[in-house]
Amino acid sequence: PTLIENDFIPALPSEVPDVIYLCYPNNPTGTALTRNQLKVWVDYARQHNTLIIFDAAYEAYISRPEVPHSIYEIQGAKEVAIEVRSYSKTAGFTGVRCGYTVVPKELQGICADGTILLLNNLWRRQQTTKFNGASYISQRGAAALYQPQAQQEIKSTIAYYMNNARKLRNALNDMGLKAVGGIDSPYVWVKTPCDMTSWQFFDYLLENANVVGTPGSGFGPSGEGYFRFTGFASSEDTDEAIARINQLDL
């Protein structure tokens, strides 16, 4: 569980798992792990022969220098981690759905009988057997993102959304709500006020302010009692939403 009580930093597993899934910057909480915090997980995985799947879909939104842009910035991570990336949030590829997976050649899997397998070989065999590759138009679109002009446009768009997220976070905290995120992620995660459930808060905002967000319970049991706002909107709509929420008796 990642809750306000543990500063949204998950504890290490009480039982040793085969696979650990980490999403940072995190959706829905909007929080991120520093290098030192992520190193704890890499060290744990190396000690227990556990595989980490590291979802870095929101990497482009990181602003703090102490937050790593890749798990491979942590020493030893290539021995235990697979990283997945997406262009969906970085460059508006949500419909096109193009991304990539990094499976280091150093990465090993250990079978129940102790046999060691190179996971890169397994991944390559699976891909070449069952996958014909991304479509040509998707590949050309992805390649275009690395042109200098595209990189500038991407940075400008991300800065626009992050400004919305920062405004939301600051305004909600000024209202007396407890909000996190909005620094290394476009999402702002709020503790629902007045002991409301996440769906009760959804209904309250909709009926009294005509503002829509995402109930935290939709993300699993630990999301109950929380609510997600997003910076993915126009600046004008964000300002209007803040003004409407600010008029409520919370």
Protein backbone atom coordinates (compact mmCIF):
# COMPACT_ATOMS: atom_id res chain seq x y z
CA PRO A 1 0.00 0.00 0.00
CA THR A 2 1.17 3.53 -0.85
CA LEU A 3 -0.69 5.87 1.49
CA ILE A 4 -0.30 9.30 2.99
CA GLU A 5 0.85 7.62 6.21
CA ASN A 6 4.00 6.22 4.52
CA ASP A 7 4.57 9.29 2.30
CA PHE A 8 3.47 7.17 -0.68
CA ILE A 9 6.70 5.18 -0.52
CA PRO A 10 5.91 1.44 -0.66
CA ALA A 11 7.46 -0.89 1.88
CA LEU A 12 9.54 -3.84 0.76
CA PRO A 13 7.55 -7.10 0.45
CA SER A 14 7.00 -9.17 3.57
CA GLU A 15 7.30 -12.31 1.42
CA VAL A 16 9.80 -12.68 -1.42
CA PRO A 17 8.01 -12.37 -4.78
CA ASP A 18 9.14 -13.58 -8.19
CA VAL A 19 8.32 -10.25 -9.84
CA ILE A 20 8.06 -6.69 -8.54
CA TYR A 21 6.21 -4.08 -10.59
CA LEU A 22 7.18 -0.44 -10.02
CA CYS A 23 5.64 2.51 -11.87
CA TYR A 24 7.57 5.77 -11.44
CA PRO A 25 6.71 8.56 -11.82
CA ASN A 26 3.61 6.92 -10.45
CA ASN A 27 0.13 6.85 -11.88
CA PRO A 28 -2.14 7.62 -10.05
CA THR A 29 -0.32 9.20 -7.08
CA GLY A 30 1.97 11.42 -9.14
CA THR A 31 4.85 10.66 -6.78
CA ALA A 32 8.37 9.54 -7.72
CA LEU A 33 11.24 7.70 -6.05
CA THR A 34 14.64 9.33 -5.63
CA ARG A 35 17.80 7.46 -6.59
CA ASN A 36 18.40 6.42 -2.99
CA GLN A 37 14.82 5.17 -2.62
CA LEU A 38 14.97 3.22 -5.88
CA LYS A 39 18.35 1.76 -4.92
CA VAL A 40 16.63 0.04 -1.97
CA TRP A 41 14.49 -1.90 -4.44
CA VAL A 42 17.36 -2.76 -6.76
CA ASP A 43 19.45 -4.01 -3.83
CA TYR A 44 16.50 -6.07 -2.59
CA ALA A 45 15.97 -7.62 -6.04
CA ARG A 46 19.65 -8.51 -6.34
CA GLN A 47 19.65 -10.07 -2.90
CA HIS A 48 16.54 -12.19 -3.51
CA ASN A 49 16.86 -12.96 -7.25
CA THR A 50 13.66 -11.07 -7.93
CA LEU A 51 12.78 -9.50 -11.29
CA ILE A 52 11.73 -5.84 -11.39
CA ILE A 53 9.41 -4.58 -14.12
CA PHE A 54 9.96 -0.81 -14.15
CA ASP A 55 7.24 1.21 -15.87
CA ALA A 56 8.70 4.60 -16.85
CA ALA A 57 5.87 5.87 -19.04
CA TYR A 58 5.96 9.32 -17.39
CA GLU A 59 9.74 9.75 -17.40
CA ALA A 60 9.56 12.90 -19.52
CA TYR A 61 7.69 14.72 -16.75
CA ILE A 62 10.47 14.40 -14.15
CA SER A 63 11.72 17.77 -12.93
CA ARG A 64 13.76 17.08 -9.77
CA PRO A 65 17.43 16.21 -10.30
CA GLU A 66 17.38 13.57 -7.53
CA VAL A 67 14.74 11.53 -9.38
CA PRO A 68 16.28 9.08 -11.90
CA HIS A 69 14.96 9.02 -15.45
CA SER A 70 15.76 5.30 -15.74
CA ILE A 71 16.19 2.46 -13.29
CA TYR A 72 19.50 1.73 -15.03
CA GLU A 73 20.94 4.82 -13.36
CA ILE A 74 21.07 2.58 -10.28
CA GLN A 75 24.16 0.36 -10.07
CA GLY A 76 23.31 -3.31 -10.61
CA ALA A 77 19.86 -2.65 -12.09
CA LYS A 78 20.77 -4.27 -15.42
CA GLU A 79 21.09 -7.56 -13.55
CA VAL A 80 17.52 -7.49 -12.19
CA ALA A 81 15.30 -5.05 -14.10
CA ILE A 82 13.29 -4.74 -17.29
CA GLU A 83 12.24 -1.19 -18.18
CA VAL A 84 9.22 -0.31 -20.33
CA ARG A 85 8.74 3.04 -21.99
CA SER A 86 5.85 4.62 -23.86
CA TYR A 87 5.47 7.53 -26.27
CA SER A 88 1.81 7.86 -25.28
CA LYS A 89 2.30 10.44 -22.54
CA THR A 90 5.57 11.87 -23.80
CA ALA A 91 4.31 12.90 -27.22
CA GLY A 92 0.57 12.30 -27.50
CA PHE A 93 0.85 8.76 -28.89
CA THR A 94 -2.09 7.54 -26.80
CA GLY A 95 -4.01 6.32 -29.85
CA VAL A 96 -1.00 5.17 -31.88
CA ARG A 97 0.39 3.16 -28.94
CA CYS A 98 4.09 2.98 -29.66
CA GLY A 99 6.66 2.19 -27.00
CA TYR A 100 9.62 -0.04 -26.25
CA THR A 101 10.99 -2.52 -23.74
CA VAL A 102 14.58 -2.76 -22.52
CA VAL A 103 15.75 -6.25 -21.54
CA PRO A 104 19.47 -6.07 -20.65
CA LYS A 105 21.74 -8.89 -21.77
CA GLU A 106 23.01 -9.10 -18.18
CA LEU A 107 19.54 -10.01 -16.93
CA GLN A 108 19.18 -13.60 -15.75
CA GLY A 109 16.21 -15.69 -14.73
CA ILE A 110 16.49 -18.59 -12.31
CA CYS A 111 14.20 -21.60 -12.77
CA ALA A 112 12.78 -23.64 -9.90
CA ASP A 113 15.50 -26.27 -10.45
CA GLY A 114 18.23 -23.62 -10.30
CA THR A 115 18.82 -23.41 -14.06
CA ILE A 116 19.91 -19.94 -15.14
CA LEU A 117 18.40 -18.44 -18.30
CA LEU A 118 19.27 -15.24 -20.13
CA LEU A 119 16.00 -13.32 -20.32
CA ASN A 120 17.16 -11.25 -23.27
CA ASN A 121 17.36 -14.44 -25.36
CA LEU A 122 13.87 -15.49 -24.29
CA TRP A 123 12.48 -12.04 -25.03
CA ARG A 124 14.10 -11.91 -28.46
CA ARG A 125 12.76 -15.34 -29.35
CA GLN A 126 9.25 -14.41 -28.22
CA GLN A 127 9.31 -11.14 -30.16
CA THR A 128 10.68 -12.59 -33.39
CA THR A 129 8.19 -15.48 -33.25
CA LYS A 130 4.99 -13.71 -32.23
CA PHE A 131 5.43 -10.06 -33.18
CA ASN A 132 5.87 -8.53 -36.62
CA GLY A 133 6.99 -5.17 -35.28
CA ALA A 134 5.27 -1.82 -34.93
CA SER A 135 3.56 -0.51 -38.06
CA TYR A 136 5.63 1.56 -40.45
CA ILE A 137 3.64 4.73 -39.79
CA SER A 138 4.09 4.28 -36.02
CA GLN A 139 7.83 3.83 -36.44
CA ARG A 140 8.13 6.92 -38.63
CA GLY A 141 6.14 8.92 -36.08
CA ALA A 142 8.33 7.70 -33.24
CA ALA A 143 11.50 8.47 -35.19
CA ALA A 144 10.25 11.99 -35.91
CA LEU A 145 10.04 12.66 -32.18
CA TYR A 146 13.83 12.67 -31.96
CA GLN A 147 14.21 15.58 -34.37
CA PRO A 148 15.35 18.83 -32.68
CA GLN A 149 12.13 20.70 -33.47
CA ALA A 150 10.00 17.86 -32.14
CA GLN A 151 12.03 17.69 -28.95
CA GLN A 152 11.42 21.39 -28.35
CA GLU A 153 7.70 21.00 -29.01
CA ILE A 154 7.50 18.04 -26.64
CA LYS A 155 9.26 19.98 -23.87
CA SER A 156 6.93 22.93 -24.42
CA THR A 157 3.81 20.76 -24.25
CA ILE A 158 4.99 18.93 -21.13
CA ALA A 159 5.83 22.25 -19.44
CA TYR A 160 2.30 23.45 -20.24
CA TYR A 161 0.67 20.42 -18.62
CA MET A 162 3.04 20.49 -15.66
CA ASN A 163 2.15 24.11 -15.02
CA ASN A 164 -1.49 23.02 -14.80
CA ALA A 165 -0.57 20.23 -12.39
CA ARG A 166 1.45 22.55 -10.16
CA LYS A 167 -1.40 25.04 -10.04
CA LEU A 168 -3.80 22.27 -9.04
CA ARG A 169 -1.53 20.91 -6.33
CA ASN A 170 -0.80 24.31 -4.83
CA ALA A 171 -4.43 25.42 -4.92
CA LEU A 172 -5.74 22.22 -3.35
CA ASN A 173 -3.17 22.41 -0.55
CA ASP A 174 -4.04 26.08 0.01
CA MET A 175 -7.67 24.98 0.43
CA GLY A 176 -6.58 22.74 3.28
CA LEU A 177 -6.68 19.49 1.32
CA LYS A 178 -3.76 17.08 1.33
CA ALA A 179 -2.41 16.82 -2.22
CA VAL A 180 0.75 15.24 -3.64
CA GLY A 181 2.16 14.83 -7.14
CA GLY A 182 2.25 17.54 -9.76
CA ILE A 183 6.05 17.87 -9.56
CA ASP A 184 7.43 14.88 -11.47
CA SER A 185 4.09 13.78 -12.91
CA PRO A 186 1.03 15.43 -14.49
CA TYR A 187 -1.22 13.88 -11.83
CA VAL A 188 -2.28 15.28 -8.46
CA TRP A 189 -3.43 12.78 -5.82
CA VAL A 190 -5.71 14.17 -3.10
CA LYS A 191 -6.96 12.77 0.20
CA THR A 192 -10.74 13.08 0.08
CA PRO A 193 -12.11 15.51 2.68
CA CYS A 194 -14.76 14.99 5.34
CA ASP A 195 -14.26 11.19 5.39
CA MET A 196 -15.88 10.94 1.96
CA THR A 197 -15.25 7.85 -0.14
CA SER A 198 -13.63 8.46 -3.50
CA TRP A 199 -16.97 8.05 -5.29
CA GLN A 200 -18.77 10.32 -2.82
CA PHE A 201 -16.17 13.00 -3.52
CA PHE A 202 -16.62 12.41 -7.26
CA ASP A 203 -20.38 12.95 -6.94
CA TYR A 204 -19.89 15.99 -4.71
CA LEU A 205 -17.55 17.70 -7.19
CA LEU A 206 -19.76 16.85 -10.14
CA GLU A 207 -23.00 18.04 -8.53
CA ASN A 208 -21.67 21.15 -6.82
CA ALA A 209 -18.86 22.36 -9.08
CA ASN A 210 -19.34 20.56 -12.41
CA VAL A 211 -15.74 19.32 -12.06
CA VAL A 212 -14.76 15.77 -12.98
CA GLY A 213 -11.81 13.73 -11.75
CA THR A 214 -11.02 10.06 -11.17
CA PRO A 215 -12.10 8.20 -8.00
CA GLY A 216 -9.10 6.58 -6.36
CA SER A 217 -10.89 3.29 -5.73
CA GLY A 218 -10.69 2.61 -9.45
CA PHE A 219 -6.96 2.04 -9.01
CA GLY A 220 -7.35 -0.64 -6.34
CA PRO A 221 -8.15 -0.91 -2.63
CA SER A 222 -5.35 1.43 -1.54
CA GLY A 223 -6.90 4.16 -3.67
CA GLU A 224 -10.05 4.33 -1.60
CA GLY A 225 -10.23 7.68 0.15
CA TYR A 226 -8.21 9.40 -2.55
CA PHE A 227 -8.97 11.24 -5.79
CA ARG A 228 -6.91 11.93 -8.91
CA PHE A 229 -6.80 15.23 -10.74
CA THR A 230 -4.92 15.68 -14.01
CA GLY A 231 -2.92 18.44 -15.63
CA PHE A 232 -3.96 17.20 -19.08
CA ALA A 233 -6.31 20.10 -19.83
CA SER A 234 -6.17 23.64 -21.08
CA SER A 235 -4.81 26.28 -18.75
CA GLU A 236 -8.16 28.09 -18.87
CA ASP A 237 -10.13 24.99 -17.88
CA THR A 238 -7.68 24.27 -15.08
CA ASP A 239 -8.07 27.78 -13.69
CA GLU A 240 -11.85 27.50 -13.93
CA ALA A 241 -11.85 24.14 -12.12
CA ILE A 242 -9.69 25.57 -9.34
CA ALA A 243 -12.01 28.57 -8.96
CA ARG A 244 -15.09 26.34 -8.75
CA ILE A 245 -13.55 23.97 -6.20
CA ASN A 246 -12.35 26.93 -4.15
CA GLN A 247 -15.96 28.06 -3.71
CA LEU A 248 -16.97 24.77 -2.11
CA ASP A 249 -17.28 24.22 1.63
CA LEU A 250 -14.59 21.56 2.12
